[in-house]
N, C-alpha and C. Protein backbone atom coordinates (compact mmCIF):
# COMPACT_ATOMS: atom_id res chain seq x y z
N MET A 1 -39.03 3.15 32.61
CA MET A 1 -39.74 3.85 33.67
C MET A 1 -40.73 4.81 33.01
N ASP A 2 -41.95 4.76 33.46
CA ASP A 2 -42.97 5.66 32.96
C ASP A 2 -43.02 6.93 33.83
N ALA A 3 -43.91 7.84 33.49
CA ALA A 3 -44.04 9.09 34.22
C ALA A 3 -44.40 8.86 35.68
N GLN A 4 -45.27 7.90 35.95
CA GLN A 4 -45.67 7.59 37.33
C GLN A 4 -44.46 7.11 38.14
N GLY A 5 -43.63 6.26 37.52
CA GLY A 5 -42.44 5.76 38.21
C GLY A 5 -41.44 6.88 38.48
N PHE A 6 -41.33 7.79 37.51
CA PHE A 6 -40.44 8.93 37.69
C PHE A 6 -40.89 9.79 38.85
N LEU A 7 -42.18 10.08 38.91
CA LEU A 7 -42.71 10.88 40.02
C LEU A 7 -42.56 10.14 41.35
N ALA A 8 -42.76 8.82 41.34
CA ALA A 8 -42.59 8.03 42.56
C ALA A 8 -41.15 8.08 43.04
N ALA A 9 -40.20 8.14 42.13
CA ALA A 9 -38.78 8.24 42.51
C ALA A 9 -38.46 9.61 43.11
N LEU A 10 -39.15 10.64 42.66
CA LEU A 10 -38.89 12.00 43.15
C LEU A 10 -39.63 12.34 44.44
N THR A 11 -40.77 11.72 44.68
CA THR A 11 -41.60 12.07 45.82
C THR A 11 -40.86 12.01 47.16
N PRO A 12 -40.05 10.97 47.44
CA PRO A 12 -39.35 10.97 48.73
C PRO A 12 -38.42 12.18 48.93
N ALA A 13 -37.87 12.71 47.84
CA ALA A 13 -36.98 13.87 47.97
C ALA A 13 -37.75 15.12 48.39
N VAL A 14 -39.06 15.08 48.26
CA VAL A 14 -39.89 16.23 48.63
C VAL A 14 -40.50 16.03 50.02
N THR A 15 -40.56 14.77 50.47
CA THR A 15 -41.26 14.48 51.72
C THR A 15 -40.38 13.96 52.84
N ASP A 16 -39.15 13.57 52.55
CA ASP A 16 -38.28 12.95 53.55
C ASP A 16 -36.90 13.58 53.50
N ALA A 17 -36.40 14.07 54.63
CA ALA A 17 -35.13 14.79 54.67
C ALA A 17 -33.95 13.91 54.24
N ASP A 18 -33.91 12.66 54.68
CA ASP A 18 -32.81 11.77 54.30
C ASP A 18 -32.83 11.48 52.80
N ALA A 19 -34.01 11.20 52.26
CA ALA A 19 -34.15 10.95 50.83
C ALA A 19 -33.76 12.19 50.04
N ARG A 20 -34.09 13.35 50.57
CA ARG A 20 -33.75 14.62 49.91
C ARG A 20 -32.24 14.77 49.82
N GLU A 21 -31.55 14.49 50.92
CA GLU A 21 -30.08 14.59 50.93
C GLU A 21 -29.46 13.64 49.92
N ARG A 22 -29.97 12.40 49.88
CA ARG A 22 -29.46 11.41 48.92
C ARG A 22 -29.69 11.88 47.48
N PHE A 23 -30.88 12.40 47.23
CA PHE A 23 -31.20 12.86 45.87
C PHE A 23 -30.35 14.05 45.46
N LEU A 24 -30.18 15.01 46.36
CA LEU A 24 -29.35 16.17 46.05
C LEU A 24 -27.89 15.79 45.85
N ALA A 25 -27.42 14.79 46.60
CA ALA A 25 -26.03 14.37 46.50
C ALA A 25 -25.77 13.60 45.20
N ASP A 26 -26.70 12.74 44.78
CA ASP A 26 -26.48 11.92 43.58
C ASP A 26 -27.82 11.55 42.94
N PRO A 27 -28.44 12.50 42.25
CA PRO A 27 -29.76 12.24 41.68
C PRO A 27 -29.76 11.11 40.65
N LYS A 28 -28.69 11.00 39.88
CA LYS A 28 -28.64 9.95 38.87
C LYS A 28 -28.67 8.56 39.50
N ALA A 29 -27.98 8.39 40.63
CA ALA A 29 -27.98 7.11 41.32
C ALA A 29 -29.35 6.79 41.89
N VAL A 30 -30.02 7.79 42.44
CA VAL A 30 -31.37 7.58 42.99
C VAL A 30 -32.32 7.17 41.87
N LEU A 31 -32.23 7.83 40.73
CA LEU A 31 -33.09 7.48 39.59
C LEU A 31 -32.76 6.09 39.05
N ALA A 32 -31.48 5.72 39.07
CA ALA A 32 -31.09 4.38 38.61
C ALA A 32 -31.68 3.30 39.50
N VAL A 33 -31.65 3.52 40.81
CA VAL A 33 -32.23 2.56 41.75
C VAL A 33 -33.73 2.42 41.49
N ALA A 34 -34.36 3.50 41.08
CA ALA A 34 -35.80 3.48 40.80
C ALA A 34 -36.13 2.90 39.43
N GLY A 35 -35.09 2.59 38.64
CA GLY A 35 -35.32 1.95 37.34
C GLY A 35 -35.07 2.81 36.12
N LEU A 36 -34.56 4.01 36.30
CA LEU A 36 -34.24 4.87 35.16
C LEU A 36 -32.73 4.80 34.94
N ASP A 37 -32.32 3.93 34.05
CA ASP A 37 -30.90 3.71 33.77
C ASP A 37 -30.47 4.61 32.63
N LEU A 38 -29.82 5.70 32.96
CA LEU A 38 -29.40 6.68 31.95
C LEU A 38 -28.00 6.37 31.45
N PRO A 39 -27.69 6.75 30.22
CA PRO A 39 -26.34 6.52 29.69
C PRO A 39 -25.28 7.25 30.53
N GLU A 40 -24.07 6.74 30.50
CA GLU A 40 -22.98 7.32 31.28
C GLU A 40 -22.76 8.79 30.94
N TRP A 41 -22.91 9.16 29.70
CA TRP A 41 -22.65 10.53 29.27
C TRP A 41 -23.75 11.50 29.69
N PHE A 42 -24.89 11.00 30.16
CA PHE A 42 -26.01 11.84 30.56
C PHE A 42 -25.80 12.34 31.98
N THR A 43 -25.79 13.63 32.17
CA THR A 43 -25.58 14.25 33.47
C THR A 43 -26.90 14.64 34.08
N VAL A 44 -27.07 14.35 35.37
CA VAL A 44 -28.28 14.74 36.09
C VAL A 44 -27.85 15.60 37.28
N THR A 45 -28.42 16.77 37.40
CA THR A 45 -28.14 17.62 38.55
C THR A 45 -29.44 17.94 39.26
N ALA A 46 -29.34 18.14 40.55
CA ALA A 46 -30.51 18.50 41.35
C ALA A 46 -30.13 19.68 42.22
N ARG A 47 -31.07 20.56 42.45
CA ARG A 47 -30.82 21.70 43.32
C ARG A 47 -32.11 22.05 44.04
N GLU A 48 -31.97 22.71 45.15
CA GLU A 48 -33.14 23.17 45.89
C GLU A 48 -33.60 24.50 45.31
N GLY A 49 -34.90 24.71 45.35
CA GLY A 49 -35.44 25.95 44.85
C GLY A 49 -36.87 26.14 45.30
N ASP A 50 -37.48 27.21 44.84
CA ASP A 50 -38.85 27.53 45.23
C ASP A 50 -39.90 26.78 44.42
N ALA A 51 -39.52 26.28 43.24
CA ALA A 51 -40.50 25.62 42.38
C ALA A 51 -39.90 24.30 41.87
N ALA A 52 -40.77 23.36 41.64
CA ALA A 52 -40.34 22.11 41.02
C ALA A 52 -40.30 22.32 39.52
N GLU A 53 -39.16 22.05 38.91
CA GLU A 53 -39.04 22.23 37.47
C GLU A 53 -38.11 21.16 36.91
N LEU A 54 -38.33 20.79 35.69
CA LEU A 54 -37.49 19.83 35.00
C LEU A 54 -36.95 20.53 33.78
N ILE A 55 -35.64 20.69 33.73
CA ILE A 55 -34.99 21.34 32.59
C ILE A 55 -34.12 20.29 31.91
N ILE A 56 -34.33 20.10 30.65
CA ILE A 56 -33.52 19.14 29.88
C ILE A 56 -32.75 19.93 28.84
N THR A 57 -31.44 19.84 28.89
CA THR A 57 -30.59 20.50 27.91
C THR A 57 -30.16 19.46 26.90
N VAL A 58 -30.52 19.68 25.67
CA VAL A 58 -30.19 18.76 24.60
C VAL A 58 -28.84 19.17 24.01
N PRO A 59 -27.91 18.22 23.90
CA PRO A 59 -26.60 18.57 23.33
C PRO A 59 -26.72 18.96 21.86
N HIS A 60 -25.72 19.69 21.38
CA HIS A 60 -25.69 20.07 19.98
C HIS A 60 -25.70 18.82 19.11
N LEU A 61 -26.26 18.95 17.93
CA LEU A 61 -26.23 17.85 16.98
C LEU A 61 -24.80 17.57 16.57
N GLY A 62 -24.47 16.30 16.47
CA GLY A 62 -23.15 15.93 15.99
C GLY A 62 -23.05 16.20 14.49
N LEU A 63 -21.90 16.62 14.06
CA LEU A 63 -21.68 16.84 12.63
C LEU A 63 -21.57 15.49 11.94
N PRO A 64 -22.21 15.31 10.80
CA PRO A 64 -22.20 14.01 10.13
C PRO A 64 -20.81 13.51 9.78
N ASP A 65 -19.88 14.41 9.51
CA ASP A 65 -18.53 13.98 9.14
C ASP A 65 -17.53 14.11 10.30
N ALA A 66 -18.05 14.32 11.50
CA ALA A 66 -17.18 14.46 12.67
C ALA A 66 -16.63 13.10 13.08
N ASP A 67 -15.44 13.11 13.65
CA ASP A 67 -14.83 11.88 14.14
C ASP A 67 -15.59 11.38 15.35
N LEU A 68 -15.69 10.07 15.49
CA LEU A 68 -16.33 9.46 16.65
C LEU A 68 -15.32 9.39 17.79
N SER A 69 -15.83 9.52 19.02
CA SER A 69 -14.99 9.38 20.20
C SER A 69 -14.62 7.91 20.35
N GLU A 70 -13.63 7.62 21.19
CA GLU A 70 -13.24 6.24 21.46
C GLU A 70 -14.41 5.44 22.03
N GLU A 71 -15.19 6.07 22.89
CA GLU A 71 -16.35 5.40 23.49
C GLU A 71 -17.40 5.06 22.43
N GLN A 72 -17.63 5.99 21.53
CA GLN A 72 -18.59 5.75 20.46
C GLN A 72 -18.11 4.65 19.52
N LEU A 73 -16.81 4.67 19.19
CA LEU A 73 -16.26 3.62 18.35
C LEU A 73 -16.36 2.26 19.00
N ALA A 74 -16.11 2.19 20.30
CA ALA A 74 -16.22 0.93 21.02
C ALA A 74 -17.65 0.42 21.03
N ALA A 75 -18.61 1.33 21.16
CA ALA A 75 -20.02 0.93 21.16
C ALA A 75 -20.42 0.38 19.80
N VAL A 76 -19.95 1.00 18.74
CA VAL A 76 -20.27 0.53 17.39
C VAL A 76 -19.60 -0.82 17.14
N ALA A 77 -18.34 -0.93 17.52
CA ALA A 77 -17.61 -2.18 17.31
C ALA A 77 -18.22 -3.32 18.11
N GLY A 78 -18.79 -2.99 19.26
CA GLY A 78 -19.39 -4.02 20.11
C GLY A 78 -20.82 -4.35 19.72
N GLY A 79 -21.35 -3.66 18.72
CA GLY A 79 -22.70 -3.93 18.27
C GLY A 79 -23.78 -3.25 19.10
N VAL A 80 -23.41 -2.28 19.91
CA VAL A 80 -24.38 -1.57 20.76
C VAL A 80 -24.96 -0.41 19.94
N VAL A 81 -26.26 -0.32 19.94
CA VAL A 81 -26.91 0.81 19.27
C VAL A 81 -27.46 1.71 20.35
N ASP A 82 -26.95 2.91 20.45
CA ASP A 82 -27.39 3.86 21.45
C ASP A 82 -28.08 5.01 20.73
N GLN A 83 -29.40 4.96 20.70
CA GLN A 83 -30.17 5.97 19.97
C GLN A 83 -30.02 7.34 20.59
N GLY A 84 -29.55 7.43 21.84
CA GLY A 84 -29.46 8.72 22.51
C GLY A 84 -28.14 9.45 22.27
N SER A 85 -27.15 8.78 21.73
CA SER A 85 -25.85 9.42 21.52
C SER A 85 -25.91 10.37 20.35
N ALA A 86 -25.22 11.47 20.48
CA ALA A 86 -25.10 12.42 19.37
C ALA A 86 -23.81 12.09 18.63
N PHE A 87 -23.94 11.50 17.47
CA PHE A 87 -22.77 11.15 16.68
C PHE A 87 -22.43 12.27 15.79
């Protein structure tokens, strides 16, 4: 999804009451329907406010010698490369 697609997915939440309720209730699902498939570990929250803002919180860097979680081990064993995971 490019920036235009992202904005197109958000526009109904600003212009339509039903779309706004759906987006506030489950923004990740609304974005997934629009084509932005985020990893399971990625959390998306939406709230009402006076200004439109996008805040992205980047998780701490994983320690190079830290143990991998079961999910991470399964992804590696299955041959999945997830560039977004913090190992």
